[in-house]
Amino acid sequence: MIDRYQTEAGAISVEAVNMTMRFGDFTALNQVSINIPAGSFHALLGENGAGKSTLVKCIMGFYRATEGELLVAGQEARLSDQKMAQNRKLGMVYQHFTLVPSLTAAENLVISRADIPAVIDWRRERRRLDAFMADMPFSVPLDQPVSRLAAGEKQKLEILKQLYLGNRFLILDEPTSVLTPAEANEVLSHVRALTDAGEITVLMITHKFREVTAFADNVSILRRGKYVGGGKVAFMSIKDMSHAMMGKAPTVNERVRKQTKQTPVMTLRGVKAQDRTGLKTIAIDDVTLNTGEVLGIAGVSGNGQMELMEILTGQRHMESGEIAVNGTPYGATRAEARAHAFRYLPEEPLRNACAPKMSVAENLAFRMFDAGKDGKAAFWKDGKAIAKNAIDLIKTFNVKTTSPAAPIAALSGGNVQRAVLARELTGEVNALIVSNPCFGLDFAAVSAIRDRLIEARNNGTAILLISEDLDEIMELSDRILVMSEGRIAFETPIESADVTEIGQHMAGHG
C-alpha cells in the first residue's frame, strides 16, 4: 500500500511546487510543479534544454530555486547542497559511473559513507555489508575490483550504494546508456521491484520511450522550461508523449532505403593494436565496408570500439595488419583521407572535431582550407566564400545559431553535431566513419541526424557506424558487427538480426 508521503518500508515522496529557476535574464525553469508519490516510479522526459537537469539540480540542492517550494515527505525542504539532500534521504545515480575502478565493490560501498572512520575495522564493516546485502533483491560480487565488473553489475552497484547510504528517493539519470538490452531490462526490473515493495521512490530521466512504457507508473514532460504534459503511463501513447515533448507531432522521415550498388571500399585484415590501457589487444581479423551501406559496430562501452575509431583515423598505431582502400594500403593520413574522400564524425565533436572559440562559419569552412582556387593544395581564407558556405550549410542542415559569426561552442550539442555533419557530408564523400552520433541528443536532433546518414547511404556513401545505442544500430544498419573484448564476436545482416542474440554477444555470452 502506497501512502502519499512515506511507505511503511521507507520510500518517501518528493513534490516540486511552482518551481522557477532564473539565471540572469534567462528562465531555465518556469513554474514547474511535479508530484512524485512515495513508492512510485516516475519518468521525466524532455528535449535537451527542456529544463530536466535544472529541475533535478534544484531537487538535489545543487541550485536554490529562484521561486517555488520543494516538499520532501510532505515537509518543506530548503536544500543548499548535496549533503543536505542526503540528510533528507535523496540520492542520485549519474549517467556515468562514479565508482573507483581499482577498489572492490565492498570498498566502494564503505568509503561512500560520510561517517567513515579514519581507521576502518574491515571485519565489522563486512558484517554490516553482509547484513545489508541479505535484504537486497539483487547482488554484486563484493570482493571483485570494480574494473572487472560488467556494466550491468556496475550500474547495480551504483544503486546499491545509494541504498547503503540510506537514501529512499533516487534520481536515475539515463541509467541504461552503457548497458546491453538484457542488462538494462534486468537493472530496471530490479528498480521496479524496489518501488513495488515500497523500498524507494524513483525519478528516471530518459530519452527512451520503451523504458517509460515498460517500467514507469507516471511521466512528466518538460518543454522549454515548462511542464507541458504527463500523467499515468498506462493512459498515454508514445505519440502522446512525443507530441508533448515537441509541441507538435514530430516530423520523421521514414528513411526509405534505396537499392544501392555495393562494392568494397575499405578492408581490414589482421589488424592488431593495443587498447587504451596497454593491457589488452584489439584484433580485427576480417572486415569489409561497402559503398551504399551502413555497417553498424555494436558493443558495450570499453570493448574496443573507440580504439577502432582511432585506428581508422590514424590516431592509434597498428602493431600489425593492413587497412586497404580501393585495393591500396591506407594509413589514414590527412592526404590519404582527402584523396579517397574519407570523412569522420567523432564522438563529442565540439571537443574532437571543432575549434570551440572559432565561429560557426569558420568551423564549417575547415574543408575549404584544403584546396586552392585552381584545385591545387593550398591553405587560404576567403571571407566571402566562407560566409556563403556557412549560410548555405546552416540552411540546408537546419543548424540553429544566432549568427554564422557566433562561436560554435555557443551552440547546443545537437546543433554542433549538425554543423559538423554538414561539413563532413559536403562535396564528394566516399566513406563516412561516425562514432555515437546521437549520444545525449534530443528527439528532434536524433531524427534529423539519422535522416542525413540514410540519405548519404542512399547516395552511395559507405558508412561505418560505431554506436553503443543498439536501437540506433538496429534502425540504421544494413549489416551489424558486434565487438566484444576487442574482437569481432558476431556478424549478421539486418534482415535476420535478433536483438536478444546481439545483446548476448555484446555481453560476451554468445
Protein backbone atom coordinates (compact mmCIF):
# COMPACT_ATOMS: atom_id res chain seq x y z
CA MET A 1 0.00 0.00 0.00
CA ILE A 2 1.49 3.32 -1.07
CA ASP A 3 1.00 6.30 1.22
CA ARG A 4 1.36 9.65 -0.48
CA TYR A 5 4.31 10.81 1.62
CA GLN A 6 6.04 7.70 3.03
CA THR A 7 5.60 3.96 2.78
CA GLU A 8 5.99 1.51 5.65
CA ALA A 9 9.21 0.26 4.01
CA GLY A 10 10.67 3.77 3.93
CA ALA A 11 10.15 5.22 0.43
CA ILE A 12 9.44 8.97 0.52
CA SER A 13 7.60 11.41 -1.70
CA VAL A 14 9.03 14.49 -3.41
CA GLU A 15 6.99 17.38 -4.76
CA ALA A 16 8.15 20.47 -6.62
CA VAL A 17 5.61 23.30 -6.36
CA ASN A 18 5.70 26.17 -8.86
CA MET A 19 9.47 25.82 -9.12
CA THR A 20 11.23 28.57 -11.09
CA MET A 21 14.95 28.95 -11.75
CA ARG A 22 16.43 32.03 -13.38
CA PHE A 23 19.99 32.68 -14.46
CA GLY A 24 20.10 36.44 -15.01
CA ASP A 25 17.53 37.19 -17.71
CA PHE A 26 17.26 33.53 -18.74
CA THR A 27 14.46 31.44 -17.21
CA ALA A 28 15.55 27.79 -17.26
CA LEU A 29 12.58 26.56 -15.24
CA ASN A 30 9.21 28.29 -15.25
CA GLN A 31 6.55 27.49 -12.62
CA VAL A 32 7.07 23.73 -12.80
CA SER A 33 5.05 21.53 -10.48
CA ILE A 34 5.63 17.80 -10.30
CA ASN A 35 4.39 15.35 -7.65
CA ILE A 36 6.14 12.00 -7.13
CA PRO A 37 4.27 9.88 -4.54
CA ALA A 38 6.16 7.58 -2.20
CA GLY A 39 6.94 4.19 -3.72
CA SER A 40 6.24 5.25 -7.31
CA PHE A 41 8.40 5.00 -10.44
CA HIS A 42 8.24 8.35 -12.25
CA ALA A 43 9.79 9.16 -15.64
CA LEU A 44 10.96 12.64 -16.71
CA LEU A 45 11.02 13.38 -20.45
CA GLY A 46 12.08 16.40 -22.47
CA GLU A 47 14.39 17.57 -25.22
CA ASN A 48 17.85 18.91 -24.44
CA GLY A 49 17.37 22.31 -22.85
CA ALA A 50 13.84 21.48 -21.68
CA GLY A 51 14.78 22.03 -18.02
CA LYS A 52 15.21 18.43 -16.80
CA SER A 53 18.73 18.92 -15.46
CA THR A 54 17.80 22.22 -13.82
CA LEU A 55 14.82 20.63 -12.07
CA VAL A 56 16.90 17.72 -10.82
CA LYS A 57 19.66 20.05 -9.60
CA CYS A 58 17.08 22.08 -7.67
CA ILE A 59 15.75 18.90 -6.06
CA MET A 60 19.27 17.72 -5.13
CA GLY A 61 20.42 21.06 -3.70
CA PHE A 62 22.91 21.95 -6.42
CA TYR A 63 20.72 25.01 -7.15
CA ARG A 64 18.48 27.01 -4.86
CA ALA A 65 15.31 27.70 -6.85
CA THR A 66 14.51 31.35 -7.50
CA GLU A 67 10.85 30.72 -6.67
CA GLY A 68 8.72 27.83 -5.54
CA GLU A 69 8.89 25.09 -2.94
CA LEU A 70 10.35 21.64 -2.55
CA LEU A 71 8.44 19.22 -0.34
CA VAL A 72 10.15 16.03 0.88
CA ALA A 73 7.86 13.52 2.58
CA GLY A 74 5.25 16.28 2.79
CA GLN A 75 7.57 18.71 4.58
CA GLU A 76 9.15 21.84 3.14
CA ALA A 77 12.84 21.31 2.39
CA ARG A 78 15.29 24.15 1.84
CA LEU A 79 18.33 22.42 0.37
CA SER A 80 21.50 24.33 -0.45
CA ASP A 81 23.93 21.45 -1.06
CA GLN A 82 24.10 17.71 -1.77
CA LYS A 83 24.84 16.86 1.88
CA MET A 84 21.56 18.41 2.95
CA ALA A 85 19.81 16.40 0.23
CA GLN A 86 21.33 13.17 1.53
CA ASN A 87 20.28 14.08 5.05
CA ARG A 88 16.72 14.09 3.68
CA LYS A 89 17.40 10.67 2.07
CA LEU A 90 17.67 11.97 -1.50
CA GLY A 91 20.27 10.35 -3.78
CA MET A 92 21.24 10.38 -7.45
CA VAL A 93 22.66 7.73 -9.79
CA TYR A 94 24.53 9.56 -12.54
CA GLN A 95 24.73 8.75 -16.25
CA HIS A 96 28.42 7.88 -15.94
CA PHE A 97 29.78 5.64 -13.21
CA THR A 98 31.22 7.32 -10.11
CA LEU A 99 32.94 4.21 -8.75
CA VAL A 100 36.67 3.79 -8.09
CA PRO A 101 37.75 1.07 -10.58
CA SER A 102 40.77 -0.18 -8.61
CA LEU A 103 38.79 -0.77 -5.40
CA THR A 104 36.49 -3.71 -4.74
CA ALA A 105 32.72 -3.34 -4.71
CA ALA A 106 32.79 -3.63 -0.91
CA GLU A 107 35.43 -0.93 -0.57
CA ASN A 108 33.45 1.39 -2.86
CA LEU A 109 30.39 0.98 -0.67
CA VAL A 110 32.22 1.58 2.61
CA ILE A 111 34.15 4.68 1.52
CA SER A 112 30.95 6.28 0.17
CA ARG A 113 29.71 6.88 3.74
CA ALA A 114 30.13 10.31 5.27
CA ASP A 115 30.78 8.77 8.71
CA ILE A 116 33.63 6.50 7.62
CA PRO A 117 36.31 6.38 10.36
CA ALA A 118 39.99 7.21 9.76
CA VAL A 119 40.87 3.60 10.62
CA ILE A 120 38.42 1.11 9.14
CA ASP A 121 37.52 -2.08 11.01
CA TRP A 122 37.02 -4.21 7.92
CA ARG A 123 35.71 -7.21 9.87
CA ARG A 124 32.94 -5.10 11.37
CA GLU A 125 32.27 -3.37 8.04
CA ARG A 126 31.98 -6.72 6.25
CA ARG A 127 29.42 -7.96 8.78
CA ARG A 128 27.47 -4.77 8.23
CA LEU A 129 27.69 -5.19 4.43
CA ASP A 130 26.62 -8.85 4.56
CA ALA A 131 23.57 -7.92 6.63
CA PHE A 132 22.73 -5.13 4.18
CA MET A 133 23.09 -7.36 1.10
CA ALA A 134 20.88 -10.05 2.67
CA ASP A 135 17.93 -7.64 2.44
CA MET A 136 18.62 -6.59 -1.19
CA PRO A 137 16.72 -8.10 -4.13
CA PHE A 138 19.92 -8.33 -6.20
CA SER A 139 23.63 -8.68 -5.51
CA VAL A 140 27.06 -7.96 -6.93
CA PRO A 141 30.38 -9.73 -6.20
CA LEU A 142 31.63 -7.64 -3.29
CA ASP A 143 35.24 -8.86 -3.43
CA GLN A 144 35.78 -8.14 -7.12
CA PRO A 145 37.54 -4.96 -8.22
CA VAL A 146 35.06 -2.67 -9.96
CA SER A 147 37.24 -2.74 -13.09
CA ARG A 148 36.37 -6.43 -13.52
CA LEU A 149 32.61 -5.98 -13.21
CA ALA A 150 30.29 -5.94 -16.21
CA ALA A 151 28.47 -2.69 -16.99
CA GLY A 152 25.19 -4.05 -15.60
CA GLU A 153 26.91 -5.02 -12.33
CA LYS A 154 28.45 -1.55 -12.05
CA GLN A 155 25.03 0.08 -12.51
CA LYS A 156 23.55 -2.22 -9.86
CA LEU A 157 26.42 -1.29 -7.54
CA GLU A 158 25.67 2.44 -8.07
CA ILE A 159 22.07 1.77 -7.00
CA LEU A 160 23.19 -0.37 -4.06
CA LYS A 161 25.48 2.46 -2.97
CA GLN A 162 22.53 4.84 -2.71
CA LEU A 163 20.54 2.30 -0.70
CA TYR A 164 23.55 1.60 1.53
CA LEU A 165 23.69 5.33 2.28
CA GLY A 166 20.08 5.12 3.42
CA ASN A 167 18.59 7.11 0.54
CA ARG A 168 14.95 6.44 -0.22
CA PHE A 169 14.33 8.75 -3.15
CA LEU A 170 16.59 8.06 -6.14
CA ILE A 171 17.08 10.10 -9.31
CA LEU A 172 18.35 7.92 -12.16
CA ASP A 173 19.99 9.94 -14.96
CA GLU A 174 19.89 7.92 -18.21
CA PRO A 175 20.70 4.75 -16.22
CA THR A 176 20.88 2.37 -19.20
CA SER A 177 23.06 4.38 -21.60
CA VAL A 178 26.00 1.93 -21.38
CA LEU A 179 24.06 -1.29 -20.83
CA THR A 180 23.07 -4.10 -23.16
CA PRO A 181 19.30 -4.56 -23.65
CA ALA A 182 19.33 -7.55 -21.31
CA GLU A 183 21.32 -5.64 -18.66
CA ALA A 184 19.01 -2.63 -18.99
CA ASN A 185 15.91 -4.77 -18.51
CA GLU A 186 17.47 -6.56 -15.56
CA VAL A 187 18.53 -3.38 -13.77
CA LEU A 188 15.24 -1.55 -14.32
CA SER A 189 13.27 -4.65 -13.33
CA HIS A 190 15.15 -4.69 -10.01
CA VAL A 191 14.49 -0.99 -9.55
CA ARG A 192 10.81 -1.51 -10.33
CA ALA A 193 10.67 -4.33 -7.76
CA LEU A 194 12.10 -1.97 -5.13
CA THR A 195 9.43 0.64 -5.85
CA ASP A 196 6.69 -2.00 -5.82
CA ALA A 197 7.94 -3.11 -2.40
CA GLY A 198 7.86 0.48 -1.15
CA GLU A 199 11.62 0.49 -0.52
CA ILE A 200 12.37 3.51 -2.73
CA THR A 201 10.81 6.18 -4.90
CA VAL A 202 12.36 6.74 -8.34
CA LEU A 203 12.55 9.65 -10.75
CA MET A 204 14.18 8.48 -14.00
CA ILE A 205 15.46 10.83 -16.71
CA THR A 206 15.45 9.01 -20.04
CA HIS A 207 15.18 9.52 -23.80
CA LYS A 208 13.87 6.01 -24.37
CA PHE A 209 10.10 5.74 -24.67
CA ARG A 210 10.35 1.97 -24.36
CA GLU A 211 11.73 2.28 -20.83
CA VAL A 212 8.95 4.67 -19.87
CA THR A 213 6.18 2.40 -21.11
CA ALA A 214 7.78 -0.76 -19.68
CA PHE A 215 8.69 0.41 -16.17
CA ALA A 216 7.23 3.79 -15.15
CA ASP A 217 3.93 4.46 -13.35
CA ASN A 218 3.76 8.12 -14.28
CA VAL A 219 5.54 10.52 -16.61
CA SER A 220 6.15 14.28 -16.54
CA ILE A 221 7.18 16.09 -19.71
CA LEU A 222 9.03 19.41 -19.89
CA ARG A 223 9.49 21.71 -22.87
CA ARG A 224 11.39 25.00 -22.83
CA GLY A 225 11.43 25.09 -19.06
CA LYS A 226 7.70 24.47 -18.60
CA TYR A 227 5.59 21.48 -17.61
CA VAL A 228 3.63 20.60 -20.76
CA GLY A 229 2.07 17.23 -20.05
CA GLY A 230 2.13 13.96 -18.24
CA GLY A 231 0.08 11.55 -16.20
CA LYS A 232 -0.29 7.80 -15.85
CA VAL A 233 1.80 5.97 -18.41
CA ALA A 234 -0.96 3.40 -18.92
CA PHE A 235 -3.16 6.12 -20.41
CA MET A 236 -0.54 7.71 -22.68
CA SER A 237 0.78 6.54 -26.05
CA ILE A 238 4.26 7.17 -27.41
CA LYS A 239 2.60 9.56 -29.87
CA ASP A 240 1.10 11.49 -26.95
CA MET A 241 4.48 11.77 -25.24
CA SER A 242 6.24 12.78 -28.47
CA HIS A 243 3.61 15.42 -29.15
CA ALA A 244 4.05 16.93 -25.67
CA MET A 245 7.86 16.95 -25.98
CA MET A 246 7.94 18.55 -29.41
CA GLY A 247 4.90 20.79 -29.27
CA LYS A 248 3.61 19.03 -32.35
CA ALA A 249 3.79 15.59 -33.82
CA PRO A 250 7.46 15.15 -34.78
CA THR A 251 8.21 15.04 -38.47
CA VAL A 252 10.16 11.88 -39.04
CA ASN A 253 11.50 10.69 -42.34
CA GLU A 254 10.56 7.07 -42.81
CA ARG A 255 14.12 6.60 -44.03
CA VAL A 256 13.35 4.75 -47.22
CA ARG A 257 16.35 2.65 -48.18
CA LYS A 258 17.17 2.66 -51.85
CA GLN A 259 18.75 -0.27 -53.59
CA THR A 260 22.42 0.61 -53.90
CA LYS A 261 25.37 -0.83 -55.74
CA GLN A 262 27.58 -2.26 -53.02
CA THR A 263 31.25 -2.67 -53.82
CA PRO A 264 34.15 -2.98 -51.34
CA VAL A 265 35.71 0.37 -50.50
CA MET A 266 37.71 -0.48 -47.34
CA THR A 267 39.05 -3.73 -45.91
CA LEU A 268 40.75 -4.55 -42.63
CA ARG A 269 42.93 -7.68 -42.45
CA GLY A 270 44.68 -8.95 -39.32
CA VAL A 271 44.69 -5.52 -37.68
CA LYS A 272 46.19 -5.52 -34.18
CA ALA A 273 46.78 -2.66 -31.76
CA GLN A 274 46.97 -2.06 -28.02
CA ASP A 275 43.90 -0.77 -26.23
CA ARG A 276 43.93 2.42 -24.16
CA THR A 277 45.13 0.62 -21.05
CA GLY A 278 48.01 -1.06 -22.85
CA LEU A 279 46.91 -4.35 -21.27
CA LYS A 280 44.65 -5.76 -23.98
CA THR A 281 44.96 -6.28 -27.73
CA ILE A 282 42.47 -5.04 -30.29
CA ALA A 283 42.34 -7.68 -33.03
CA ILE A 284 40.22 -7.14 -36.17
CA ASP A 285 40.72 -10.11 -38.46
CA ASP A 286 38.48 -9.55 -41.48
CA VAL A 287 36.13 -6.60 -42.03
CA THR A 288 34.89 -5.12 -45.31
CA LEU A 289 32.97 -1.86 -45.72
CA ASN A 290 30.96 -1.46 -48.92
CA THR A 291 29.65 1.56 -50.77
CA GLY A 292 25.97 2.31 -50.27
CA GLU A 293 25.65 0.55 -46.92
CA VAL A 294 25.64 1.32 -43.20
CA LEU A 295 27.86 -1.14 -41.37
CA GLY A 296 26.98 -0.95 -37.68
CA ILE A 297 29.55 -1.77 -34.98
CA ALA A 298 27.68 -2.61 -31.79
CA GLY A 299 29.17 -3.17 -28.38
CA VAL A 300 29.14 -2.16 -24.74
CA SER A 301 31.49 0.71 -23.92
CA GLY A 302 35.08 -0.36 -23.34
CA ASN A 303 35.22 -3.29 -25.76
CA GLY A 304 37.48 -1.71 -28.36
CA GLN A 305 35.11 0.44 -30.42
CA MET A 306 36.88 3.70 -29.61
CA GLU A 307 40.27 2.15 -30.34
CA LEU A 308 38.91 1.00 -33.71
CA MET A 309 37.83 4.58 -34.43
CA GLU A 310 41.32 5.80 -33.53
CA ILE A 311 42.95 3.20 -35.81
CA LEU A 312 40.76 4.23 -38.74
CA THR A 313 41.50 7.92 -38.19
CA GLY A 314 45.27 7.42 -37.83
CA GLN A 315 45.31 8.25 -34.11
CA ARG A 316 46.35 4.79 -32.90
CA HIS A 317 49.41 2.86 -34.09
CA MET A 318 48.82 -0.58 -35.60
CA GLU A 319 51.17 -3.30 -34.46
CA SER A 320 50.33 -5.46 -37.47
CA GLY A 321 47.80 -5.97 -40.22
CA GLU A 322 46.63 -3.89 -43.15
CA ILE A 323 43.93 -1.41 -43.97
CA ALA A 324 43.24 -1.05 -47.69
CA VAL A 325 41.04 1.47 -49.51
CA ASN A 326 40.09 0.69 -53.08
CA GLY A 327 42.74 -2.02 -53.08
CA THR A 328 45.66 0.19 -51.94
CA PRO A 329 47.22 0.43 -48.46
CA TYR A 330 45.67 3.15 -46.32
CA GLY A 331 47.44 4.86 -43.42
CA ALA A 332 44.65 7.33 -42.58
CA THR A 333 46.86 10.35 -43.18
CA ARG A 334 45.19 13.67 -43.95
CA ALA A 335 46.38 13.50 -47.56
CA GLU A 336 45.06 9.93 -47.99
CA ALA A 337 41.72 10.79 -46.44
CA ARG A 338 41.40 13.75 -48.82
CA ALA A 339 42.44 11.70 -51.87
CA HIS A 340 39.93 8.93 -51.11
CA ALA A 341 37.16 11.30 -49.91
CA PHE A 342 37.04 9.74 -46.44
CA ARG A 343 35.34 11.76 -43.73
CA TYR A 344 35.00 11.36 -39.96
CA LEU A 345 32.41 12.31 -37.34
CA PRO A 346 33.96 11.55 -33.95
CA GLU A 347 32.21 11.32 -30.60
CA GLU A 348 31.86 14.66 -28.76
CA PRO A 349 32.54 16.72 -31.90
CA LEU A 350 32.85 20.04 -30.06
CA ARG A 351 35.94 18.67 -28.32
CA ASN A 352 37.24 16.38 -31.07
CA ALA A 353 36.27 17.99 -34.39
CA CYS A 354 35.90 21.72 -33.75
CA ALA A 355 37.81 24.82 -32.75
CA PRO A 356 35.38 25.88 -29.98
CA LYS A 357 36.37 29.55 -29.88
CA MET A 358 36.18 29.98 -33.65
CA SER A 359 32.93 30.91 -35.34
CA VAL A 360 30.34 28.55 -36.78
CA ALA A 361 31.27 29.81 -40.26
CA GLU A 362 34.99 29.16 -39.74
CA ASN A 363 34.35 25.65 -38.41
CA LEU A 364 32.12 24.91 -41.40
CA ALA A 365 34.91 26.09 -43.71
CA PHE A 366 37.63 23.75 -42.48
CA ARG A 367 37.25 21.57 -45.58
CA MET A 368 37.73 24.63 -47.81
CA PHE A 369 41.24 25.17 -46.48
CA ASP A 370 42.46 22.03 -48.22
CA ALA A 371 42.05 23.24 -51.78
CA GLY A 372 43.14 26.28 -53.72
CA LYS A 373 41.12 28.14 -56.30
CA ASP A 374 42.73 26.13 -59.08
CA GLY A 375 42.19 22.79 -57.38
CA LYS A 376 45.75 22.71 -56.06
CA ALA A 377 46.57 22.15 -52.42
CA ALA A 378 46.62 25.42 -50.53
CA PHE A 379 45.80 26.99 -47.21
CA TRP A 380 43.71 30.04 -47.84
CA LYS A 381 40.99 32.08 -46.24
CA ASP A 382 38.42 33.83 -48.39
CA GLY A 383 35.96 35.69 -46.14
CA LYS A 384 33.21 35.95 -48.75
CA ALA A 385 33.48 32.27 -49.69
CA ILE A 386 33.43 31.23 -46.04
CA ALA A 387 30.34 33.35 -45.33
CA LYS A 388 28.45 31.97 -48.35
CA ASN A 389 29.43 28.40 -47.47
CA ALA A 390 28.16 28.90 -43.91
CA ILE A 391 24.83 30.40 -44.98
CA ASP A 392 24.21 27.53 -47.40
CA LEU A 393 25.08 24.76 -44.95
CA ILE A 394 23.26 26.33 -42.00
CA LYS A 395 20.10 26.48 -44.11
CA THR A 396 20.46 23.03 -45.68
CA PHE A 397 21.20 21.22 -42.41
CA ASN A 398 18.93 23.39 -40.23
CA VAL A 399 21.71 24.45 -37.85
CA LYS A 400 20.18 26.74 -35.21
CA THR A 401 22.57 29.60 -34.40
CA THR A 402 22.15 33.28 -33.61
CA SER A 403 24.66 34.09 -36.32
CA PRO A 404 27.30 32.38 -38.51
CA ALA A 405 29.77 34.59 -36.63
CA ALA A 406 28.83 33.13 -33.23
CA PRO A 407 31.39 30.82 -31.55
CA ILE A 408 30.48 27.22 -32.28
CA ALA A 409 30.80 26.48 -28.55
CA ALA A 410 27.64 28.59 -28.03
CA LEU A 411 25.53 26.05 -29.96
CA SER A 412 23.58 23.23 -28.33
CA GLY A 413 25.00 19.71 -28.60
CA GLY A 414 22.57 18.76 -31.35
CA ASN A 415 23.40 21.83 -33.42
CA VAL A 416 27.16 21.28 -33.05
CA GLN A 417 26.55 17.76 -34.33
CA ARG A 418 24.51 19.04 -37.27
CA ALA A 419 27.18 21.61 -38.12
CA VAL A 420 29.99 19.06 -38.14
CA LEU A 421 27.86 16.61 -40.12
CA ALA A 422 27.11 19.39 -42.63
CA ARG A 423 30.82 19.99 -43.06
CA GLU A 424 31.74 16.31 -43.39
CA LEU A 425 28.96 15.47 -45.87
CA THR A 426 29.69 18.40 -48.19
CA GLY A 427 31.25 17.61 -51.55
CA GLU A 428 32.33 14.16 -52.69
CA VAL A 429 32.14 11.69 -49.81
CA ASN A 430 33.02 8.07 -50.48
CA ALA A 431 33.06 6.95 -46.86
CA LEU A 432 31.99 8.35 -43.50
CA ILE A 433 33.19 6.87 -40.22
CA VAL A 434 30.97 8.02 -37.39
CA SER A 435 31.00 7.34 -33.64
CA ASN A 436 27.97 7.65 -31.33
CA PRO A 437 26.48 10.42 -33.50
CA CYS A 438 23.34 10.93 -31.39
CA PHE A 439 24.61 10.38 -27.83
CA GLY A 440 22.84 12.70 -25.40
CA LEU A 441 20.80 14.47 -28.10
CA ASP A 442 17.09 15.14 -28.05
CA PHE A 443 14.41 13.55 -30.21
CA ALA A 444 14.42 16.15 -32.98
CA ALA A 445 18.21 16.27 -33.33
CA VAL A 446 18.43 12.47 -33.34
CA SER A 447 15.82 12.19 -36.07
CA ALA A 448 17.48 14.84 -38.25
CA ILE A 449 20.95 13.31 -37.99
CA ARG A 450 19.75 9.78 -38.71
CA ASP A 451 17.84 11.05 -41.74
CA ARG A 452 21.06 12.61 -43.08
CA LEU A 453 23.03 9.41 -42.60
CA ILE A 454 20.48 7.34 -44.52
CA GLU A 455 20.38 9.98 -47.27
CA ALA A 456 24.17 9.73 -47.62
CA ARG A 457 23.94 5.94 -47.67
CA ASN A 458 21.29 6.10 -50.41
CA ASN A 459 23.62 8.33 -52.43
CA GLY A 460 26.32 5.64 -52.35
CA THR A 461 28.42 6.69 -49.35
CA ALA A 462 29.90 3.87 -47.29
CA ILE A 463 29.10 4.48 -43.62
CA LEU A 464 30.80 2.77 -40.69
CA LEU A 465 28.60 3.46 -37.67
CA ILE A 466 30.12 2.83 -34.24
CA SER A 467 27.43 3.14 -31.58
CA GLU A 468 26.69 1.97 -28.05
CA ASP A 469 22.98 2.51 -28.70
CA LEU A 470 21.61 -0.78 -30.01
CA ASP A 471 18.32 0.83 -31.04
CA GLU A 472 20.32 3.17 -33.28
CA ILE A 473 22.32 0.29 -34.73
CA MET A 474 19.14 -1.66 -35.49
CA GLU A 475 17.43 1.35 -37.05
CA LEU A 476 20.24 2.42 -39.39
CA SER A 477 22.39 -0.59 -40.26
CA ASP A 478 22.37 -2.88 -43.29
CA ARG A 479 24.85 -5.20 -41.55
CA ILE A 480 25.80 -5.45 -37.90
CA LEU A 481 29.09 -6.49 -36.31
CA VAL A 482 29.40 -6.93 -32.55
CA MET A 483 32.65 -6.10 -30.76
CA SER A 484 33.47 -7.86 -27.51
CA GLU A 485 36.85 -7.89 -25.74
CA GLY A 486 38.49 -6.09 -28.64
CA ARG A 487 37.37 -8.57 -31.32
CA ILE A 488 34.54 -9.05 -33.79
CA ALA A 489 32.38 -11.57 -31.97
CA PHE A 490 29.36 -11.76 -34.26
CA GLU A 491 28.03 -10.65 -37.65
CA THR A 492 24.50 -10.56 -39.02
CA PRO A 493 22.58 -8.90 -41.86
CA ILE A 494 19.78 -6.67 -40.60
CA GLU A 495 17.15 -8.94 -42.18
CA SER A 496 17.92 -11.72 -39.72
CA ALA A 497 19.15 -9.62 -36.78
CA ASP A 498 17.80 -10.66 -33.38
CA VAL A 499 18.13 -8.19 -30.50
CA THR A 500 18.46 -10.89 -27.86
CA GLU A 501 21.18 -12.70 -29.77
CA ILE A 502 23.08 -9.45 -30.41
CA GLY A 503 22.76 -8.47 -26.75
CA GLN A 504 24.20 -11.82 -25.67
CA HIS A 505 27.25 -11.35 -27.89
CA MET A 506 27.64 -7.75 -26.61
CA ALA A 507 27.73 -9.14 -23.10
CA GLY A 508 30.32 -11.77 -24.08
CA HIS A 509 27.89 -14.69 -23.84
CA GLY A 510 27.37 -15.53 -27.48
